[in-house]
Structure formats: structure tokens, C-alpha cells
Amino acid sequence: MTVYFIGAGPGDPELLTLKAARVIGECPVCLYAGSLVPEAVVACAPEGARVMDTAPMTLDDTHAEILAAHKNGQDVARVHSGDPSLYGAIAEQIRRLKADGIDYQIIPGVPAYAAAAAAMGTELTVPEVAQSIVLTRMSMKSTSMPEGETLENFARSGATLAIHLGIRALREIERQLIPYYGADCPVVVAYRASWPDELYLRGTLSDIREKVRAEKITRTALIMVGPALGEVKDFVDSALYDPDTPHVLRPRVIEKT
């Protein structure tokens, strides 16, 4: 049998990849993170499949289900939100699978920051404004951050920041980022990106906290910070399609005189 770690995307079932939907539809056991993955995403599980919400379960509990499936020769769809390579908590699961000699595969999914950017109709990497995206998080009640991975260190780059697990730490985010980005730096808070009740709040580092408080948002939100999120109009065109910038698939045409 094989355990498939499946990226379910941010919530919209239509953002499942074709491969993810096919594998979920073939596995007799489906374990999904119900706190972040809607039931509609796993509705394609086969009739009679054992479908379990792992939100109230521990790592021991979920691994016990996998061991039982392994004993029965049943493939398992282990469905996580977004893309499992980012805050998917799959590393510790994979460690146990390797110890027990159980095969696994990872199927990528659409991350929340990509879904949020699409919904906002914007590009996060604008030429000469921002060409890097930093995916990070706040510690809060989660595992502590490695030394050196601080908002202040990331802010020095001026890159677009996508901050997870930080909606209850907006005051601290403001404190650390304003000295580098400025109080008027654009901020977008994406609440439940791609879900039916999704909400996108636009503001600045100086006023976003009050806007979030007014909407009573306390969880399931991504905070994005950076100048590329504003109404940037005066920027150069990318060299990708520049006729004066040839590349192997578009060599420069020399006009005959």
C-alpha cells in the first residue's frame, strides 16, 4: 500500500489538481484535516471508503489508522490544506512511515498565497518593486522559530511577505515591520481564501489591525505585506517579452538594410 500526502489547495474543491482528485477517488481510506479542508474536497472518495476528520486526532491516532490500512493492504489519502510542503506537518509523519517501511508519495497543491493573489487579481513579483516572496509564520502557540528567522531579518530584504499564523499578532507584526516598510506599506489580510465566505481586507501597516478587529477575524487568515500589493503603476516591463532582450526561443531579428 501507499500513503498519499495530498495538497487539497486552500479550500475550493475546484482547485484540486486532477491527480489529487483521482487518487482521493481511488483510496479506500481517507484522512483529512477537517479544520482547514472542507468536506466537499473529499466528497470524491469512493463509496464505502473510511473517511475520517483528523482535526481532533493526535499523531499517534492518525498513524494507527495508517498502520491498520497497511495491514489490510489499503492505500491511504492523507489530505492536507494548501500544499503539503509548507506547514503541512508531514515531516514527522514521513519519519514514522520510513521507520515502519511504508511507502508514500506527495501530491502538491495550490498554496493559499497563490489563491489569494489570484482572487486579488495581482502579481506578487513586480519588476523593480519586489522579486522575492518570503513564506513565514509567527510562533504564537506553535513550534518556535529557528534562530535568525525573524520578521525583522526578512523585512530588511523589502520582499513581499506572506505571514501565516499571525492574525492574533498584528501589533507585533506592525512593531517589527514599520521601521523597514513604513507605516503606509500595503497589507492584505486574506481570510479563508477561496472558501465561499472568503474575505480580503486591504490596508496599511498602520491601520490593518483595526480593520481586522472590526471584522472579528481571529483565525484562518494569511497576512501579506509589501509594496507590490499596492496600486503600482510606474514600473518597467519585464524583460521576458522585450524584443530587445533575445533568448534561445526568441533570437533577435536583424533587420536588413
Protein backbone atom coordinates (compact mmCIF):
# COMPACT_ATOMS: atom_id res chain seq x y z
CA MET A 1 0.00 0.00 0.00
CA THR A 2 0.98 3.64 -0.32
CA VAL A 3 0.19 6.73 1.75
CA TYR A 4 -0.51 9.72 -0.49
CA PHE A 5 0.08 13.12 1.10
CA ILE A 6 -2.28 15.26 -0.94
CA GLY A 7 -2.34 19.05 -1.16
CA ALA A 8 -6.02 19.94 -1.16
CA GLY A 9 -5.43 23.59 -2.01
CA PRO A 10 -6.85 26.48 0.04
CA GLY A 11 -10.46 25.26 0.16
CA ASP A 12 -12.20 25.49 -3.20
CA PRO A 13 -12.74 21.88 -4.39
CA GLU A 14 -12.21 23.04 -7.98
CA LEU A 15 -8.62 23.93 -7.09
CA LEU A 16 -7.80 20.27 -6.51
CA THR A 17 -5.36 19.01 -9.12
CA LEU A 18 -6.61 16.30 -11.45
CA LYS A 19 -4.15 13.88 -9.89
CA ALA A 20 -5.27 14.71 -6.35
CA ALA A 21 -8.93 14.16 -7.21
CA ARG A 22 -8.13 10.88 -8.95
CA VAL A 23 -6.12 9.50 -6.04
CA ILE A 24 -8.70 10.53 -3.42
CA GLY A 25 -11.29 8.79 -5.59
CA GLU A 26 -9.27 5.57 -5.58
CA CYS A 27 -8.21 5.26 -1.93
CA PRO A 28 -10.33 3.15 0.43
CA VAL A 29 -9.04 5.18 3.40
CA CYS A 30 -9.09 8.99 3.52
CA LEU A 31 -7.73 11.02 6.42
CA TYR A 32 -8.29 14.75 6.02
CA ALA A 33 -7.52 17.80 8.14
CA GLY A 34 -11.10 18.95 8.65
CA SER A 35 -10.22 22.20 10.38
CA LEU A 36 -8.79 23.53 7.11
CA VAL A 37 -10.10 21.16 4.43
CA PRO A 38 -13.85 21.28 3.67
CA GLU A 39 -15.78 18.04 3.33
CA ALA A 40 -16.53 18.90 -0.30
CA VAL A 41 -12.85 18.35 -1.12
CA VAL A 42 -13.01 14.70 -0.07
CA ALA A 43 -16.51 14.09 -1.40
CA CYS A 44 -14.87 12.29 -4.33
CA ALA A 45 -13.74 9.46 -2.03
CA PRO A 46 -15.10 6.10 -3.24
CA GLU A 47 -18.36 4.76 -1.87
CA GLY A 48 -17.76 2.84 1.34
CA ALA A 49 -14.37 4.46 1.98
CA ARG A 50 -13.26 5.08 5.55
CA VAL A 51 -13.20 8.90 5.67
CA MET A 52 -12.00 10.49 8.90
CA ASP A 53 -11.54 14.09 10.03
CA THR A 54 -8.15 14.20 11.77
CA ALA A 55 -8.67 17.59 13.43
CA PRO A 56 -9.42 16.06 16.87
CA MET A 57 -6.81 13.29 16.44
CA THR A 58 -3.19 13.08 17.58
CA LEU A 59 -0.20 11.96 15.53
CA ASP A 60 -0.43 8.57 17.26
CA ASP A 61 -4.09 8.31 16.31
CA THR A 62 -3.54 9.06 12.63
CA HIS A 63 -0.56 6.74 12.42
CA ALA A 64 -2.61 3.97 13.99
CA GLU A 65 -5.16 4.37 11.19
CA ILE A 66 -2.35 4.18 8.63
CA LEU A 67 -0.93 1.03 10.26
CA ALA A 68 -4.37 -0.58 10.14
CA ALA A 69 -4.70 0.30 6.45
CA HIS A 70 -1.21 -1.05 5.83
CA LYS A 71 -2.18 -4.34 7.46
CA ASN A 72 -5.19 -4.54 5.15
CA GLY A 73 -3.22 -3.54 2.05
CA GLN A 74 -5.26 -0.36 1.61
CA ASP A 75 -3.93 2.86 0.11
CA VAL A 76 -4.43 5.99 2.21
CA ALA A 77 -5.22 9.51 1.01
CA ARG A 78 -3.75 11.82 3.68
CA VAL A 79 -5.30 15.14 2.70
CA HIS A 80 -3.79 18.41 3.91
CA SER A 81 -4.70 22.02 3.15
CA GLY A 82 -2.74 24.11 0.66
CA ASP A 83 0.49 22.47 -0.41
CA PRO A 84 1.82 19.82 2.00
CA SER A 85 5.41 21.03 1.62
CA LEU A 86 4.53 24.24 3.51
CA TYR A 87 3.47 23.87 7.16
CA GLY A 88 1.93 20.53 6.27
CA ALA A 89 3.25 18.73 9.37
CA ILE A 90 4.16 15.83 7.10
CA ALA A 91 7.83 15.54 8.11
CA GLU A 92 7.02 13.78 11.38
CA GLN A 93 4.50 11.55 9.63
CA ILE A 94 7.06 10.60 6.98
CA ARG A 95 9.57 9.80 9.69
CA ARG A 96 7.17 7.23 11.13
CA LEU A 97 6.34 5.79 7.73
CA LYS A 98 10.02 5.28 6.98
CA ALA A 99 10.55 3.62 10.35
CA ASP A 100 7.71 1.20 9.55
CA GLY A 101 8.77 0.61 5.96
CA ILE A 102 5.60 2.13 4.49
CA ASP A 103 5.72 3.70 1.03
CA TYR A 104 4.49 7.24 0.50
CA GLN A 105 4.10 9.83 -2.23
CA ILE A 106 3.46 13.57 -2.13
CA ILE A 107 0.98 15.27 -4.45
CA PRO A 108 1.37 19.07 -4.48
CA GLY A 109 -1.49 21.53 -4.12
CA VAL A 110 -2.29 25.20 -4.60
CA PRO A 111 -0.92 27.25 -1.68
CA ALA A 112 -3.07 29.92 0.00
CA TYR A 113 -0.85 32.81 -1.06
CA ALA A 114 -1.30 31.86 -4.73
CA ALA A 115 -5.08 31.61 -4.36
CA ALA A 116 -5.16 34.97 -2.57
CA ALA A 117 -3.09 36.67 -5.27
CA ALA A 118 -5.40 35.25 -7.94
CA ALA A 119 -8.51 36.47 -6.12
CA MET A 120 -6.97 39.94 -5.77
CA GLY A 121 -6.01 39.98 -9.44
CA THR A 122 -2.41 40.86 -8.72
CA GLU A 123 1.15 39.69 -9.28
CA LEU A 124 3.35 39.40 -6.20
CA THR A 125 6.62 39.89 -8.08
CA VAL A 126 6.52 43.26 -9.84
CA PRO A 127 9.68 44.26 -11.79
CA GLU A 128 11.98 46.50 -9.76
CA VAL A 129 9.44 46.61 -6.92
CA ALA A 130 9.62 43.09 -5.46
CA GLN A 131 11.12 39.95 -6.96
CA SER A 132 11.03 37.68 -3.93
CA ILE A 133 8.32 36.22 -1.70
CA VAL A 134 9.09 35.17 1.86
CA LEU A 135 6.78 32.49 3.25
CA THR A 136 6.98 32.60 7.02
CA ARG A 137 4.89 32.44 10.16
CA MET A 138 4.59 33.74 13.68
CA SER A 139 5.38 31.44 16.58
CA MET A 140 2.39 32.13 18.83
CA LYS A 141 1.41 28.72 20.31
CA SER A 142 3.12 26.78 17.52
CA THR A 143 6.65 25.42 17.39
CA SER A 144 9.24 28.13 17.99
CA MET A 145 11.02 29.68 15.00
CA PRO A 146 14.68 28.86 14.29
CA GLU A 147 17.17 31.49 15.40
CA GLY A 148 17.64 34.08 12.69
CA GLU A 149 14.26 33.54 11.04
CA THR A 150 12.72 36.76 12.33
CA LEU A 151 10.38 39.22 10.68
CA GLU A 152 12.99 41.93 11.11
CA ASN A 153 15.58 39.89 9.22
CA PHE A 154 13.14 39.18 6.40
CA ALA A 155 11.97 42.80 6.34
CA ARG A 156 15.47 44.03 5.56
CA SER A 157 15.10 42.50 2.09
CA GLY A 158 12.00 44.52 1.22
CA ALA A 159 10.44 41.38 -0.28
CA THR A 160 6.75 40.53 -0.31
CA LEU A 161 5.96 38.74 2.95
CA ALA A 162 3.30 36.04 3.30
CA ILE A 163 2.83 35.55 7.04
CA HIS A 164 0.94 32.54 8.36
CA LEU A 165 -0.46 32.08 11.88
CA GLY A 166 -0.11 35.78 12.64
CA ILE A 167 -3.63 37.21 12.73
CA ARG A 168 -3.51 37.47 16.54
CA ALA A 169 -0.06 39.04 16.46
CA LEU A 170 -0.76 42.07 14.28
CA ARG A 171 0.52 44.52 16.87
CA GLU A 172 3.86 42.70 16.97
CA ILE A 173 3.94 42.48 13.17
CA GLU A 174 3.43 46.23 12.95
CA ARG A 175 6.16 46.86 15.51
CA GLN A 176 8.72 44.79 13.64
CA LEU A 177 7.87 45.78 10.06
CA ILE A 178 7.08 49.52 10.15
CA PRO A 179 10.75 50.55 10.65
CA TYR A 180 11.61 48.79 7.36
CA TYR A 181 8.49 49.06 5.19
CA GLY A 182 6.97 52.26 6.56
CA ALA A 183 3.56 52.81 8.16
CA ASP A 184 1.90 53.25 4.77
CA CYS A 185 3.12 49.93 3.32
CA PRO A 186 0.24 47.99 1.74
CA VAL A 187 -1.13 44.98 3.65
CA VAL A 188 -3.72 42.42 2.61
CA VAL A 189 -5.36 40.02 5.04
CA ALA A 190 -6.81 37.03 3.19
CA TYR A 191 -9.45 35.29 5.31
CA ARG A 192 -10.41 31.75 4.21
CA ALA A 193 -9.03 32.25 0.70
CA SER A 194 -11.17 30.52 -1.97
CA TRP A 195 -13.89 29.44 0.52
CA PRO A 196 -17.48 30.64 -0.10
CA ASP A 197 -17.11 33.18 2.73
CA GLU A 198 -13.65 34.40 1.73
CA LEU A 199 -12.79 37.98 2.63
CA TYR A 200 -9.88 40.21 1.62
CA LEU A 201 -9.06 43.24 3.72
CA ARG A 202 -6.77 45.87 2.24
CA GLY A 203 -4.99 48.39 4.40
CA THR A 204 -1.59 49.51 5.58
CA LEU A 205 0.69 48.52 8.42
CA SER A 206 -0.77 51.41 10.41
CA ASP A 207 -4.47 50.61 10.04
CA ILE A 208 -4.91 46.92 9.18
CA ARG A 209 -5.20 45.87 12.82
CA GLU A 210 -8.32 47.99 13.34
CA LYS A 211 -9.88 46.67 10.13
CA VAL A 212 -9.27 43.07 11.21
CA ARG A 213 -10.73 43.79 14.63
CA ALA A 214 -13.85 45.31 13.06
CA GLU A 215 -14.39 42.12 11.05
CA LYS A 216 -13.67 39.96 14.12
CA ILE A 217 -11.17 37.79 12.27
CA THR A 218 -9.20 35.63 14.71
CA ARG A 219 -8.04 32.62 12.68
CA THR A 220 -7.65 31.06 9.22
CA ALA A 221 -6.10 34.18 7.71
CA LEU A 222 -2.95 34.91 5.73
CA ILE A 223 -1.23 38.28 6.12
CA MET A 224 0.59 39.64 3.07
CA VAL A 225 2.84 42.68 3.30
CA GLY A 226 4.87 44.58 0.71
CA PRO A 227 4.89 47.43 -1.82
CA ALA A 228 3.92 45.07 -4.67
CA LEU A 229 0.46 44.77 -3.09
CA GLY A 230 -0.33 48.42 -3.72
CA GLU A 231 -1.53 50.19 -6.86
CA VAL A 232 1.85 50.13 -8.55
CA LYS A 233 1.67 51.78 -11.97
CA ASP A 234 5.13 53.19 -12.66
CA PHE A 235 7.19 50.05 -13.17
CA VAL A 236 9.27 48.75 -16.06
CA ASP A 237 8.09 45.94 -18.31
CA SER A 238 9.60 42.55 -17.69
CA ALA A 239 12.45 41.55 -19.98
CA LEU A 240 10.62 38.28 -20.67
CA TYR A 241 8.84 39.61 -23.77
CA ASP A 242 11.13 42.54 -24.53
CA PRO A 243 12.04 42.46 -28.27
CA ASP A 244 15.46 43.89 -27.40
CA THR A 245 16.16 41.03 -24.99
CA PRO A 246 16.62 37.89 -27.10
CA HIS A 247 16.75 34.37 -25.72
CA VAL A 248 17.10 30.88 -27.14
CA LEU A 249 13.43 30.66 -28.16
CA ARG A 250 13.27 34.21 -29.50
CA PRO A 251 16.53 35.23 -31.14
CA ARG A 252 16.97 38.83 -32.09
CA VAL A 253 15.87 39.62 -35.63
CA ILE A 254 18.45 41.65 -37.55
CA GLU A 255 16.76 43.98 -39.98
CA LYS A 256 18.24 44.07 -43.49
CA THR A 257 19.15 47.44 -44.93
